[in-house]
């Protein structure tokens, strides 16, 4: 899992990640209180270099407020988290 770019961002950011092998991938964004904001990926993916964009919306399509967010990847048994900042 790489650091998002740009960071801080407004209105969209790109999350890059590398999969060394085929795996079931989850990428979830949380607010600083630990509440789930958005589930970006929840599917099987083949190995390779990948990227996904987040447009600062929640699972219901509403805009989220400015602040610090945490994004987490789970791929097989691997888990990693990083922080990003949304400025408005």
C-alpha atoms as a PDB file:
ATOM      1  CA  UNK A   1       0.000   0.000   0.000  1.00  0.00           C
ATOM      2  CA  UNK A   2       1.481   3.316  -1.075  1.00  0.00           C
ATOM      3  CA  UNK A   3       0.780   6.789   0.286  1.00  0.00           C
ATOM      4  CA  UNK A   4      -2.161   8.421  -1.468  1.00  0.00           C
ATOM      5  CA  UNK A   5      -1.443  11.165  -3.991  1.00  0.00           C
ATOM      6  CA  UNK A   6      -1.992  14.029  -3.740  1.00  0.00           C
ATOM      7  CA  UNK A   7      -1.991  14.362   0.042  1.00  0.00           C
ATOM      8  CA  UNK A   8      -3.547  16.622   1.272  1.00  0.00           C
ATOM      9  CA  UNK A   9      -6.193  16.380  -1.452  1.00  0.00           C
ATOM     10  CA  UNK A  10      -9.336  18.060  -2.733  1.00  0.00           C
ATOM     11  CA  UNK A  11     -11.540  16.789  -4.350  1.00  0.00           C
ATOM     12  CA  UNK A  12     -10.028  13.407  -5.368  1.00  0.00           C
ATOM     13  CA  UNK A  13      -7.017  11.287  -4.471  1.00  0.00           C
ATOM     14  CA  UNK A  14      -5.436   8.157  -5.872  1.00  0.00           C
ATOM     15  CA  UNK A  15      -4.618   5.093  -3.744  1.00  0.00           C
ATOM     16  CA  UNK A  16      -1.956   2.791  -5.216  1.00  0.00           C
ATOM     17  CA  UNK A  17      -1.245  -0.764  -4.102  1.00  0.00           C
ATOM     18  CA  UNK A  18       0.733  -3.746  -5.330  1.00  0.00           C
ATOM     19  CA  UNK A  19      -0.502  -7.339  -5.231  1.00  0.00           C
ATOM     20  CA  UNK A  20       2.316  -9.901  -5.389  1.00  0.00           C
ATOM     21  CA  UNK A  21      -0.236 -12.702  -5.816  1.00  0.00           C
ATOM     22  CA  UNK A  22      -3.937 -13.175  -6.512  1.00  0.00           C
ATOM     23  CA  UNK A  23      -5.968 -12.339  -3.404  1.00  0.00           C
ATOM     24  CA  UNK A  24      -9.318 -11.217  -2.048  1.00  0.00           C
ATOM     25  CA  UNK A  25      -8.855  -7.455  -1.536  1.00  0.00           C
ATOM     26  CA  UNK A  26     -10.655  -5.046   0.788  1.00  0.00           C
ATOM     27  CA  UNK A  27      -9.876  -1.331   0.796  1.00  0.00           C
ATOM     28  CA  UNK A  28     -11.847   0.590   3.403  1.00  0.00           C
ATOM     29  CA  UNK A  29     -11.712   4.238   4.447  1.00  0.00           C
ATOM     30  CA  UNK A  30     -12.360   5.235   8.069  1.00  0.00           C
ATOM     31  CA  UNK A  31     -12.670   8.575   9.838  1.00  0.00           C
ATOM     32  CA  UNK A  32     -10.390   9.347  12.797  1.00  0.00           C
ATOM     33  CA  UNK A  33     -13.028   7.975  15.191  1.00  0.00           C
ATOM     34  CA  UNK A  34     -12.753   4.573  13.486  1.00  0.00           C
ATOM     35  CA  UNK A  35     -16.145   4.699  11.770  1.00  0.00           C
ATOM     36  CA  UNK A  36     -16.301   3.212   8.284  1.00  0.00           C
ATOM     37  CA  UNK A  37     -16.782   5.933   5.681  1.00  0.00           C
ATOM     38  CA  UNK A  38     -16.420   4.089   2.384  1.00  0.00           C
ATOM     39  CA  UNK A  39     -15.685   0.609   1.089  1.00  0.00           C
ATOM     40  CA  UNK A  40     -13.737   1.051  -2.169  1.00  0.00           C
ATOM     41  CA  UNK A  41     -12.871  -2.541  -3.075  1.00  0.00           C
ATOM     42  CA  UNK A  42     -14.289  -5.846  -1.887  1.00  0.00           C
ATOM     43  CA  UNK A  43     -13.391  -8.449  -4.517  1.00  0.00           C
ATOM     44  CA  UNK A  44     -10.912 -11.018  -5.807  1.00  0.00           C
ATOM     45  CA  UNK A  45      -8.108  -9.435  -7.806  1.00  0.00           C
ATOM     46  CA  UNK A  46      -5.205 -10.830  -9.780  1.00  0.00           C
ATOM     47  CA  UNK A  47      -1.579  -9.966  -9.014  1.00  0.00           C
ATOM     48  CA  UNK A  48      -0.214  -6.679 -10.323  1.00  0.00           C
ATOM     49  CA  UNK A  49       0.142  -2.946  -9.749  1.00  0.00           C
ATOM     50  CA  UNK A  50      -3.165  -1.243  -9.138  1.00  0.00           C
ATOM     51  CA  UNK A  51      -4.707   2.084  -8.258  1.00  0.00           C
ATOM     52  CA  UNK A  52      -8.148   3.387  -7.334  1.00  0.00           C
ATOM     53  CA  UNK A  53      -9.512   6.923  -6.982  1.00  0.00           C
ATOM     54  CA  UNK A  54     -11.549   8.207  -4.044  1.00  0.00           C
ATOM     55  CA  UNK A  55     -13.744  11.255  -4.589  1.00  0.00           C
ATOM     56  CA  UNK A  56     -14.280  12.107  -0.876  1.00  0.00           C
ATOM     57  CA  UNK A  57     -17.756  10.582  -0.757  1.00  0.00           C
ATOM     58  CA  UNK A  58     -19.195   8.056   1.686  1.00  0.00           C
ATOM     59  CA  UNK A  59     -20.962   4.763   0.874  1.00  0.00           C
ATOM     60  CA  UNK A  60     -24.208   6.721   0.326  1.00  0.00           C
ATOM     61  CA  UNK A  61     -22.731   9.188  -2.181  1.00  0.00           C
ATOM     62  CA  UNK A  62     -22.615  12.128   0.235  1.00  0.00           C
ATOM     63  CA  UNK A  63     -19.582  14.396   0.518  1.00  0.00           C
ATOM     64  CA  UNK A  64     -17.455  13.835   3.623  1.00  0.00           C
ATOM     65  CA  UNK A  65     -16.109  16.708   5.706  1.00  0.00           C
ATOM     66  CA  UNK A  66     -12.522  17.960   5.698  1.00  0.00           C
ATOM     67  CA  UNK A  67     -10.171  16.150   8.054  1.00  0.00           C
ATOM     68  CA  UNK A  68      -7.912  13.169   8.542  1.00  0.00           C
ATOM     69  CA  UNK A  69      -8.952   9.801   7.147  1.00  0.00           C
ATOM     70  CA  UNK A  70      -7.396   6.360   7.474  1.00  0.00           C
ATOM     71  CA  UNK A  71      -7.369   3.877   4.628  1.00  0.00           C
ATOM     72  CA  UNK A  72      -6.764   0.178   5.124  1.00  0.00           C
ATOM     73  CA  UNK A  73      -6.014  -2.648   2.736  1.00  0.00           C
ATOM     74  CA  UNK A  74      -6.606  -6.317   3.491  1.00  0.00           C
ATOM     75  CA  UNK A  75      -5.260  -8.729   0.898  1.00  0.00           C
ATOM     76  CA  UNK A  76      -5.199 -12.351   1.991  1.00  0.00           C
ATOM     77  CA  UNK A  77      -3.430 -12.312   5.390  1.00  0.00           C
ATOM     78  CA  UNK A  78      -1.781  -8.916   4.735  1.00  0.00           C
ATOM     79  CA  UNK A  79      -3.174  -5.760   6.390  1.00  0.00           C
ATOM     80  CA  UNK A  80      -1.803  -2.213   6.285  1.00  0.00           C
ATOM     81  CA  UNK A  81      -3.147   1.260   7.112  1.00  0.00           C
ATOM     82  CA  UNK A  82      -2.127   4.801   6.182  1.00  0.00           C
ATOM     83  CA  UNK A  83      -3.434   8.324   6.844  1.00  0.00           C
ATOM     84  CA  UNK A  84      -4.571  10.991   4.400  1.00  0.00           C
ATOM     85  CA  UNK A  85      -5.870  14.541   4.734  1.00  0.00           C
ATOM     86  CA  UNK A  86      -8.859  16.065   2.957  1.00  0.00           C
ATOM     87  CA  UNK A  87      -8.746  19.882   2.742  1.00  0.00           C
ATOM     88  CA  UNK A  88     -11.710  21.962   1.624  1.00  0.00           C
END
